[in-house]
């Protein structure tokens, strides 16, 4: 159990670092929890960064060719990790 305690602070530091970077500048393929399909649909529709996602609402996302409810759920969850929401 002591080993687990030693590893925990390292993980916390990593998370702090990730938050310090501007999540809006992240590329969509760097978002955790997005399936390859969802990433491909976003890229094909020129939605390449998180800042492009947050400009859209759920309706706009669903209008992207190939985007379904599952993809929208994945996206909402992924940007939610950064405290971001769709428009």
PDB file of N, CA and C in Angstrom:
ATOM      1  N   UNK A   1       0.833  -1.215   0.000  1.00  0.00           N
ATOM      2  CA  UNK A   1       0.000   0.000   0.000  1.00  0.00           C
ATOM      3  C   UNK A   1       0.868   1.266   0.000  1.00  0.00           C
ATOM      4  N   UNK A   2       2.097   1.159   0.523  1.00  0.00           N
ATOM      5  CA  UNK A   2       2.979   2.341   0.510  1.00  0.00           C
ATOM      6  C   UNK A   2       3.347   2.729  -0.921  1.00  0.00           C
ATOM      7  N   UNK A   3       3.550   1.735  -1.781  1.00  0.00           N
ATOM      8  CA  UNK A   3       3.898   1.999  -3.189  1.00  0.00           C
ATOM      9  C   UNK A   3       2.801   2.807  -3.868  1.00  0.00           C
ATOM     10  N   UNK A   4       1.576   2.451  -3.584  1.00  0.00           N
ATOM     11  CA  UNK A   4       0.443   3.165  -4.186  1.00  0.00           C
ATOM     12  C   UNK A   4       0.482   4.627  -3.762  1.00  0.00           C
ATOM     13  N   UNK A   5       0.750   4.887  -2.505  1.00  0.00           N
ATOM     14  CA  UNK A   5       0.807   6.270  -2.011  1.00  0.00           C
ATOM     15  C   UNK A   5       1.903   7.060  -2.719  1.00  0.00           C
ATOM     16  N   UNK A   6       3.038   6.419  -2.967  1.00  0.00           N
ATOM     17  CA  UNK A   6       4.138   7.114  -3.629  1.00  0.00           C
ATOM     18  C   UNK A   6       3.781   7.483  -5.070  1.00  0.00           C
ATOM     19  N   UNK A   7       2.992   6.639  -5.729  1.00  0.00           N
ATOM     20  CA  UNK A   7       2.643   6.894  -7.129  1.00  0.00           C
ATOM     21  C   UNK A   7       1.591   7.984  -7.268  1.00  0.00           C
ATOM     22  N   UNK A   8       0.722   8.124  -6.295  1.00  0.00           N
ATOM     23  CA  UNK A   8      -0.409   9.053  -6.410  1.00  0.00           C
ATOM     24  C   UNK A   8       0.019  10.507  -6.687  1.00  0.00           C
ATOM     25  N   UNK A   9       0.985  11.072  -5.951  1.00  0.00           N
ATOM     26  CA  UNK A   9       1.332  12.483  -6.228  1.00  0.00           C
ATOM     27  C   UNK A   9       1.798  12.709  -7.655  1.00  0.00           C
ATOM     28  N   UNK A  10       2.519  11.760  -8.225  1.00  0.00           N
ATOM     29  CA  UNK A  10       2.979  11.895  -9.613  1.00  0.00           C
ATOM     30  C   UNK A  10       1.788  12.091 -10.540  1.00  0.00           C
ATOM     31  N   UNK A  11       0.756  11.282 -10.352  1.00  0.00           N
ATOM     32  CA  UNK A  11      -0.434  11.379 -11.204  1.00  0.00           C
ATOM     33  C   UNK A  11      -1.096  12.738 -11.049  1.00  0.00           C
ATOM     34  N   UNK A  12      -1.176  13.225  -9.839  1.00  0.00           N
ATOM     35  CA  UNK A  12      -1.788  14.538  -9.599  1.00  0.00           C
ATOM     36  C   UNK A  12      -1.025  15.640 -10.342  1.00  0.00           C
ATOM     37  N   UNK A  13       0.283  15.572 -10.312  1.00  0.00           N
ATOM     38  CA  UNK A  13       1.087  16.572 -11.010  1.00  0.00           C
ATOM     39  C   UNK A  13       0.794  16.570 -12.504  1.00  0.00           C
ATOM     40  N   UNK A  14       0.693  15.376 -13.071  1.00  0.00           N
ATOM     41  CA  UNK A  14       0.389  15.258 -14.496  1.00  0.00           C
ATOM     42  C   UNK A  14      -0.920  15.967 -14.819  1.00  0.00           C
ATOM     43  N   UNK A  15      -1.941  15.743 -13.989  1.00  0.00           N
ATOM     44  CA  UNK A  15      -3.249  16.348 -14.236  1.00  0.00           C
ATOM     45  C   UNK A  15      -3.172  17.867 -14.157  1.00  0.00           C
ATOM     46  N   UNK A  16      -2.446  18.376 -13.178  1.00  0.00           N
ATOM     47  CA  UNK A  16      -2.301  19.829 -13.048  1.00  0.00           C
ATOM     48  C   UNK A  16      -1.656  20.421 -14.301  1.00  0.00           C
ATOM     49  N   UNK A  17      -0.647  19.742 -14.800  1.00  0.00           N
ATOM     50  CA  UNK A  17       0.046  20.209 -16.005  1.00  0.00           C
ATOM     51  C   UNK A  17      -0.933  20.275 -17.173  1.00  0.00           C
ATOM     52  N   UNK A  18      -1.735  19.229 -17.339  1.00  0.00           N
ATOM     53  CA  UNK A  18      -2.692  19.172 -18.452  1.00  0.00           C
ATOM     54  C   UNK A  18      -3.679  20.337 -18.355  1.00  0.00           C
ATOM     55  N   UNK A  19      -4.104  20.667 -17.139  1.00  0.00           N
ATOM     56  CA  UNK A  19      -5.055  21.766 -16.970  1.00  0.00           C
ATOM     57  C   UNK A  19      -4.412  23.115 -17.273  1.00  0.00           C
ATOM     58  N   UNK A  20      -3.132  23.222 -16.998  1.00  0.00           N
ATOM     59  CA  UNK A  20      -2.438  24.488 -17.207  1.00  0.00           C
ATOM     60  C   UNK A  20      -2.365  24.833 -18.696  1.00  0.00           C
ATOM     61  N   UNK A  21      -2.259  23.809 -19.540  1.00  0.00           N
ATOM     62  CA  UNK A  21      -2.273  24.049 -20.982  1.00  0.00           C
ATOM     63  C   UNK A  21      -3.674  24.459 -21.390  1.00  0.00           C
ATOM     64  N   UNK A  22      -3.765  25.272 -22.413  1.00  0.00           N
ATOM     65  CA  UNK A  22      -5.065  25.728 -22.865  1.00  0.00           C
ATOM     66  C   UNK A  22      -5.784  24.592 -23.599  1.00  0.00           C
ATOM     67  N   UNK A  23      -6.863  24.055 -23.008  1.00  0.00           N
ATOM     68  CA  UNK A  23      -7.548  22.926 -23.652  1.00  0.00           C
ATOM     69  C   UNK A  23      -8.148  23.303 -25.010  1.00  0.00           C
ATOM     70  N   UNK A  24      -8.430  24.590 -25.222  1.00  0.00           N
ATOM     71  CA  UNK A  24      -9.019  25.014 -26.498  1.00  0.00           C
ATOM     72  C   UNK A  24      -8.066  24.789 -27.664  1.00  0.00           C
ATOM     73  N   UNK A  25      -6.759  24.761 -27.348  1.00  0.00           N
ATOM     74  CA  UNK A  25      -5.763  24.580 -28.411  1.00  0.00           C
ATOM     75  C   UNK A  25      -5.489  23.108 -28.699  1.00  0.00           C
ATOM     76  N   UNK A  26      -6.053  22.230 -27.890  1.00  0.00           N
ATOM     77  CA  UNK A  26      -5.855  20.796 -28.106  1.00  0.00           C
ATOM     78  C   UNK A  26      -6.472  20.358 -29.425  1.00  0.00           C
ATOM     79  N   UNK A  27      -5.787  19.460 -30.096  1.00  0.00           N
ATOM     80  CA  UNK A  27      -6.357  18.876 -31.317  1.00  0.00           C
ATOM     81  C   UNK A  27      -7.390  17.840 -30.901  1.00  0.00           C
ATOM     82  N   UNK A  28      -8.406  17.657 -31.749  1.00  0.00           N
ATOM     83  CA  UNK A  28      -9.468  16.712 -31.379  1.00  0.00           C
ATOM     84  C   UNK A  28      -8.926  15.297 -31.202  1.00  0.00           C
ATOM     85  N   UNK A  29      -7.866  14.944 -31.929  1.00  0.00           N
ATOM     86  CA  UNK A  29      -7.352  13.579 -31.757  1.00  0.00           C
ATOM     87  C   UNK A  29      -6.524  13.429 -30.479  1.00  0.00           C
ATOM     88  N   UNK A  30      -6.331  14.516 -29.740  1.00  0.00           N
ATOM     89  CA  UNK A  30      -5.686  14.430 -28.430  1.00  0.00           C
ATOM     90  C   UNK A  30      -6.712  14.310 -27.308  1.00  0.00           C
ATOM     91  N   UNK A  31      -7.975  14.451 -27.627  1.00  0.00           N
ATOM     92  CA  UNK A  31      -9.017  14.329 -26.607  1.00  0.00           C
ATOM     93  C   UNK A  31      -9.157  12.872 -26.203  1.00  0.00           C
ATOM     94  N   UNK A  32      -9.241  12.642 -24.883  1.00  0.00           N
ATOM     95  CA  UNK A  32      -9.410  11.268 -24.409  1.00  0.00           C
ATOM     96  C   UNK A  32     -10.871  10.862 -24.537  1.00  0.00           C
ATOM     97  N   UNK A  33     -11.080   9.596 -24.869  1.00  0.00           N
ATOM     98  CA  UNK A  33     -12.427   9.049 -24.869  1.00  0.00           C
ATOM     99  C   UNK A  33     -13.182   9.196 -26.178  1.00  0.00           C
ATOM    100  N   UNK A  34     -12.534   9.752 -27.196  1.00  0.00           N
ATOM    101  CA  UNK A  34     -13.197   9.828 -28.496  1.00  0.00           C
ATOM    102  C   UNK A  34     -12.819   8.604 -29.317  1.00  0.00           C
ATOM    103  N   UNK A  35     -13.809   7.986 -29.936  1.00  0.00           N
ATOM    104  CA  UNK A  35     -13.524   6.848 -30.802  1.00  0.00           C
ATOM    105  C   UNK A  35     -12.858   7.359 -32.076  1.00  0.00           C
ATOM    106  N   UNK A  36     -12.179   6.458 -32.765  1.00  0.00           N
ATOM    107  CA  UNK A  36     -11.539   6.832 -34.033  1.00  0.00           C
ATOM    108  C   UNK A  36     -12.566   7.398 -34.994  1.00  0.00           C
ATOM    109  N   UNK A  37     -13.744   6.787 -34.995  1.00  0.00           N
ATOM    110  CA  UNK A  37     -14.797   7.239 -35.905  1.00  0.00           C
ATOM    111  C   UNK A  37     -15.149   8.704 -35.636  1.00  0.00           C
ATOM    112  N   UNK A  38     -15.342   9.031 -34.361  1.00  0.00           N
ATOM    113  CA  UNK A  38     -15.714  10.402 -33.999  1.00  0.00           C
ATOM    114  C   UNK A  38     -14.615  11.382 -34.406  1.00  0.00           C
ATOM    115  N   UNK A  39     -13.367  11.027 -34.120  1.00  0.00           N
ATOM    116  CA  UNK A  39     -12.240  11.875 -34.504  1.00  0.00           C
ATOM    117  C   UNK A  39     -12.217  12.066 -36.018  1.00  0.00           C
ATOM    118  N   UNK A  40     -12.408  10.976 -36.764  1.00  0.00           N
ATOM    119  CA  UNK A  40     -12.384  11.060 -38.226  1.00  0.00           C
ATOM    120  C   UNK A  40     -13.496  11.960 -38.752  1.00  0.00           C
ATOM    121  N   UNK A  41     -14.690  11.829 -38.175  1.00  0.00           N
ATOM    122  CA  UNK A  41     -15.812  12.665 -38.609  1.00  0.00           C
ATOM    123  C   UNK A  41     -15.483  14.137 -38.366  1.00  0.00           C
ATOM    124  N   UNK A  42     -14.933  14.441 -37.202  1.00  0.00           N
ATOM    125  CA  UNK A  42     -14.575  15.828 -36.884  1.00  0.00           C
ATOM    126  C   UNK A  42     -13.529  16.345 -37.871  1.00  0.00           C
ATOM    127  N   UNK A  43     -12.478  15.557 -38.088  1.00  0.00           N
ATOM    128  CA  UNK A  43     -11.392  15.990 -38.965  1.00  0.00           C
ATOM    129  C   UNK A  43     -11.893  16.194 -40.397  1.00  0.00           C
ATOM    130  N   UNK A  44     -12.738  15.264 -40.866  1.00  0.00           N
ATOM    131  CA  UNK A  44     -13.258  15.371 -42.232  1.00  0.00           C
ATOM    132  C   UNK A  44     -14.098  16.636 -42.408  1.00  0.00           C
ATOM    133  N   UNK A  45     -14.684  17.097 -41.301  1.00  0.00           N
ATOM    134  CA  UNK A  45     -15.524  18.293 -41.352  1.00  0.00           C
ATOM    135  C   UNK A  45     -14.759  19.547 -40.905  1.00  0.00           C
ATOM    136  N   UNK A  46     -13.432  19.447 -40.923  1.00  0.00           N
ATOM    137  CA  UNK A  46     -12.544  20.576 -40.602  1.00  0.00           C
ATOM    138  C   UNK A  46     -12.721  21.080 -39.170  1.00  0.00           C
ATOM    139  N   UNK A  47     -13.188  20.190 -38.279  1.00  0.00           N
ATOM    140  CA  UNK A  47     -13.250  20.525 -36.856  1.00  0.00           C
ATOM    141  C   UNK A  47     -12.009  19.893 -36.253  1.00  0.00           C
ATOM    142  N   UNK A  48     -10.929  20.692 -36.153  1.00  0.00           N
ATOM    143  CA  UNK A  48      -9.637  20.101 -35.836  1.00  0.00           C
ATOM    144  C   UNK A  48      -9.170  20.341 -34.409  1.00  0.00           C
ATOM    145  N   UNK A  49      -9.716  21.375 -33.779  1.00  0.00           N
ATOM    146  CA  UNK A  49      -9.291  21.683 -32.413  1.00  0.00           C
ATOM    147  C   UNK A  49     -10.505  21.832 -31.503  1.00  0.00           C
ATOM    148  N   UNK A  50     -10.244  21.755 -30.195  1.00  0.00           N
ATOM    149  CA  UNK A  50     -11.325  21.873 -29.222  1.00  0.00           C
ATOM    150  C   UNK A  50     -12.044  23.212 -29.380  1.00  0.00           C
ATOM    151  N   UNK A  51     -11.291  24.267 -29.715  1.00  0.00           N
ATOM    152  CA  UNK A  51     -11.934  25.582 -29.873  1.00  0.00           C
ATOM    153  C   UNK A  51     -12.969  25.567 -30.998  1.00  0.00           C
ATOM    154  N   UNK A  52     -12.776  24.670 -31.991  1.00  0.00           N
ATOM    155  CA  UNK A  52     -13.756  24.540 -33.071  1.00  0.00           C
ATOM    156  C   UNK A  52     -15.017  23.826 -32.578  1.00  0.00           C
ATOM    157  N   UNK A  53     -14.835  22.910 -31.617  1.00  0.00           N
ATOM    158  CA  UNK A  53     -15.981  22.168 -31.076  1.00  0.00           C
ATOM    159  C   UNK A  53     -16.865  23.083 -30.232  1.00  0.00           C
ATOM    160  N   UNK A  54     -16.243  23.885 -29.362  1.00  0.00           N
ATOM    161  CA  UNK A  54     -17.053  24.673 -28.416  1.00  0.00           C
ATOM    162  C   UNK A  54     -17.818  25.807 -29.104  1.00  0.00           C
ATOM    163  N   UNK A  55     -17.479  26.091 -30.355  1.00  0.00           N
ATOM    164  CA  UNK A  55     -18.243  27.086 -31.115  1.00  0.00           C
ATOM    165  C   UNK A  55     -19.555  26.498 -31.626  1.00  0.00           C
ATOM    166  N   UNK A  56     -19.669  25.175 -31.550  1.00  0.00           N
ATOM    167  CA  UNK A  56     -20.826  24.486 -32.108  1.00  0.00           C
ATOM    168  C   UNK A  56     -21.798  24.091 -31.002  1.00  0.00           C
ATOM    169  N   UNK A  57     -23.080  23.986 -31.372  1.00  0.00           N
ATOM    170  CA  UNK A  57     -24.026  23.411 -30.426  1.00  0.00           C
ATOM    171  C   UNK A  57     -24.303  21.966 -30.863  1.00  0.00           C
ATOM    172  N   UNK A  58     -25.126  21.277 -30.071  1.00  0.00           N
ATOM    173  CA  UNK A  58     -25.378  19.871 -30.330  1.00  0.00           C
ATOM    174  C   UNK A  58     -25.991  19.672 -31.724  1.00  0.00           C
ATOM    175  N   UNK A  59     -26.858  20.592 -32.116  1.00  0.00           N
ATOM    176  CA  UNK A  59     -27.526  20.488 -33.415  1.00  0.00           C
ATOM    177  C   UNK A  59     -26.505  20.581 -34.548  1.00  0.00           C
ATOM    178  N   UNK A  60     -25.593  21.561 -34.439  1.00  0.00           N
ATOM    179  CA  UNK A  60     -24.558  21.724 -35.470  1.00  0.00           C
ATOM    180  C   UNK A  60     -23.698  20.463 -35.566  1.00  0.00           C
ATOM    181  N   UNK A  61     -23.324  19.925 -34.392  1.00  0.00           N
ATOM    182  CA  UNK A  61     -22.513  18.709 -34.382  1.00  0.00           C
ATOM    183  C   UNK A  61     -23.248  17.579 -35.085  1.00  0.00           C
ATOM    184  N   UNK A  62     -24.545  17.440 -34.789  1.00  0.00           N
ATOM    185  CA  UNK A  62     -25.303  16.324 -35.357  1.00  0.00           C
ATOM    186  C   UNK A  62     -25.468  16.464 -36.866  1.00  0.00           C
ATOM    187  N   UNK A  63     -25.284  17.694 -37.370  1.00  0.00           N
ATOM    188  CA  UNK A  63     -25.393  17.912 -38.816  1.00  0.00           C
ATOM    189  C   UNK A  63     -24.124  17.503 -39.558  1.00  0.00           C
ATOM    190  N   UNK A  64     -23.025  17.283 -38.829  1.00  0.00           N
ATOM    191  CA  UNK A  64     -21.795  16.851 -39.487  1.00  0.00           C
ATOM    192  C   UNK A  64     -22.026  15.479 -40.105  1.00  0.00           C
ATOM    193  N   UNK A  65     -21.544  15.302 -41.328  1.00  0.00           N
ATOM    194  CA  UNK A  65     -21.727  14.029 -42.023  1.00  0.00           C
ATOM    195  C   UNK A  65     -21.057  12.897 -41.232  1.00  0.00           C
ATOM    196  N   UNK A  66     -21.862  11.913 -40.828  1.00  0.00           N
ATOM    197  CA  UNK A  66     -21.313  10.763 -40.108  1.00  0.00           C
ATOM    198  C   UNK A  66     -21.396  10.870 -38.598  1.00  0.00           C
ATOM    199  N   UNK A  67     -21.811  12.034 -38.069  1.00  0.00           N
ATOM    200  CA  UNK A  67     -21.865  12.211 -36.616  1.00  0.00           C
ATOM    201  C   UNK A  67     -23.206  11.705 -36.087  1.00  0.00           C
ATOM    202  N   UNK A  68     -23.144  10.892 -35.047  1.00  0.00           N
ATOM    203  CA  UNK A  68     -24.359  10.373 -34.431  1.00  0.00           C
ATOM    204  C   UNK A  68     -24.424  10.729 -32.957  1.00  0.00           C
ATOM    205  N   UNK A  69     -25.465  10.255 -32.300  1.00  0.00           N
ATOM    206  CA  UNK A  69     -25.662  10.553 -30.876  1.00  0.00           C
ATOM    207  C   UNK A  69     -24.480  10.074 -30.034  1.00  0.00           C
ATOM    208  N   UNK A  70     -23.939   8.913 -30.381  1.00  0.00           N
ATOM    209  CA  UNK A  70     -22.828   8.353 -29.609  1.00  0.00           C
ATOM    210  C   UNK A  70     -21.617   9.287 -29.679  1.00  0.00           C
ATOM    211  N   UNK A  71     -21.333   9.765 -30.892  1.00  0.00           N
ATOM    212  CA  UNK A  71     -20.199  10.676 -31.070  1.00  0.00           C
ATOM    213  C   UNK A  71     -20.387  11.952 -30.278  1.00  0.00           C
ATOM    214  N   UNK A  72     -21.608  12.479 -30.291  1.00  0.00           N
ATOM    215  CA  UNK A  72     -21.893  13.711 -29.551  1.00  0.00           C
ATOM    216  C   UNK A  72     -21.704  13.480 -28.053  1.00  0.00           C
ATOM    217  N   UNK A  73     -22.162  12.323 -27.569  1.00  0.00           N
ATOM    218  CA  UNK A  73     -21.965  11.987 -26.150  1.00  0.00           C
ATOM    219  C   UNK A  73     -20.481  11.936 -25.818  1.00  0.00           C
ATOM    220  N   UNK A  74     -19.697  11.290 -26.689  1.00  0.00           N
ATOM    221  CA  UNK A  74     -18.248  11.183 -26.470  1.00  0.00           C
ATOM    222  C   UNK A  74     -17.618  12.575 -26.391  1.00  0.00           C
ATOM    223  N   UNK A  75     -18.026  13.435 -27.313  1.00  0.00           N
ATOM    224  CA  UNK A  75     -17.458  14.787 -27.377  1.00  0.00           C
ATOM    225  C   UNK A  75     -17.815  15.577 -26.120  1.00  0.00           C
ATOM    226  N   UNK A  76     -19.084  15.523 -25.719  1.00  0.00           N
ATOM    227  CA  UNK A  76     -19.517  16.273 -24.535  1.00  0.00           C
ATOM    228  C   UNK A  76     -18.757  15.821 -23.293  1.00  0.00           C
ATOM    229  N   UNK A  77     -18.550  14.503 -23.198  1.00  0.00           N
ATOM    230  CA  UNK A  77     -17.815  13.964 -22.050  1.00  0.00           C
ATOM    231  C   UNK A  77     -16.352  14.408 -22.095  1.00  0.00           C
ATOM    232  N   UNK A  78     -15.755  14.324 -23.293  1.00  0.00           N
ATOM    233  CA  UNK A  78     -14.326  14.646 -23.448  1.00  0.00           C
ATOM    234  C   UNK A  78     -14.052  16.120 -23.133  1.00  0.00           C
ATOM    235  N   UNK A  79     -14.884  17.039 -23.651  1.00  0.00           N
ATOM    236  CA  UNK A  79     -14.626  18.450 -23.373  1.00  0.00           C
ATOM    237  C   UNK A  79     -15.061  18.796 -21.950  1.00  0.00           C
ATOM    238  N   UNK A  80     -15.994  18.022 -21.420  1.00  0.00           N
ATOM    239  CA  UNK A  80     -16.427  18.217 -20.033  1.00  0.00           C
ATOM    240  C   UNK A  80     -15.301  18.015 -19.026  1.00  0.00           C
ATOM    241  N   UNK A  81     -14.330  17.158 -19.396  1.00  0.00           N
ATOM    242  CA  UNK A  81     -13.176  16.918 -18.527  1.00  0.00           C
ATOM    243  C   UNK A  81     -12.406  18.230 -18.285  1.00  0.00           C
ATOM    244  N   UNK A  82     -12.530  19.165 -19.207  1.00  0.00           N
ATOM    245  CA  UNK A  82     -11.841  20.449 -19.074  1.00  0.00           C
ATOM    246  C   UNK A  82     -12.803  21.537 -18.577  1.00  0.00           C
ATOM    247  N   UNK A  83     -14.015  21.123 -18.189  1.00  0.00           N
ATOM    248  CA  UNK A  83     -15.005  22.092 -17.745  1.00  0.00           C
ATOM    249  C   UNK A  83     -15.591  22.880 -18.914  1.00  0.00           C
ATOM    250  N   UNK A  84     -15.482  22.342 -20.131  1.00  0.00           N
ATOM    251  CA  UNK A  84     -16.022  23.016 -21.307  1.00  0.00           C
ATOM    252  C   UNK A  84     -17.347  22.389 -21.713  1.00  0.00           C
ATOM    253  N   UNK A  85     -18.180  23.160 -22.375  1.00  0.00           N
ATOM    254  CA  UNK A  85     -19.459  22.650 -22.859  1.00  0.00           C
ATOM    255  C   UNK A  85     -19.667  23.097 -24.296  1.00  0.00           C
ATOM    256  N   UNK A  86     -20.616  22.465 -24.949  1.00  0.00           N
ATOM    257  CA  UNK A  86     -21.002  22.924 -26.281  1.00  0.00           C
ATOM    258  C   UNK A  86     -21.725  24.241 -26.138  1.00  0.00           C
ATOM    259  N   UNK A  87     -21.851  24.945 -27.235  1.00  0.00           N
ATOM    260  CA  UNK A  87     -22.459  26.272 -27.208  1.00  0.00           C
ATOM    261  C   UNK A  87     -23.908  26.198 -26.753  1.00  0.00           C
TER     262      UNK A  87
END
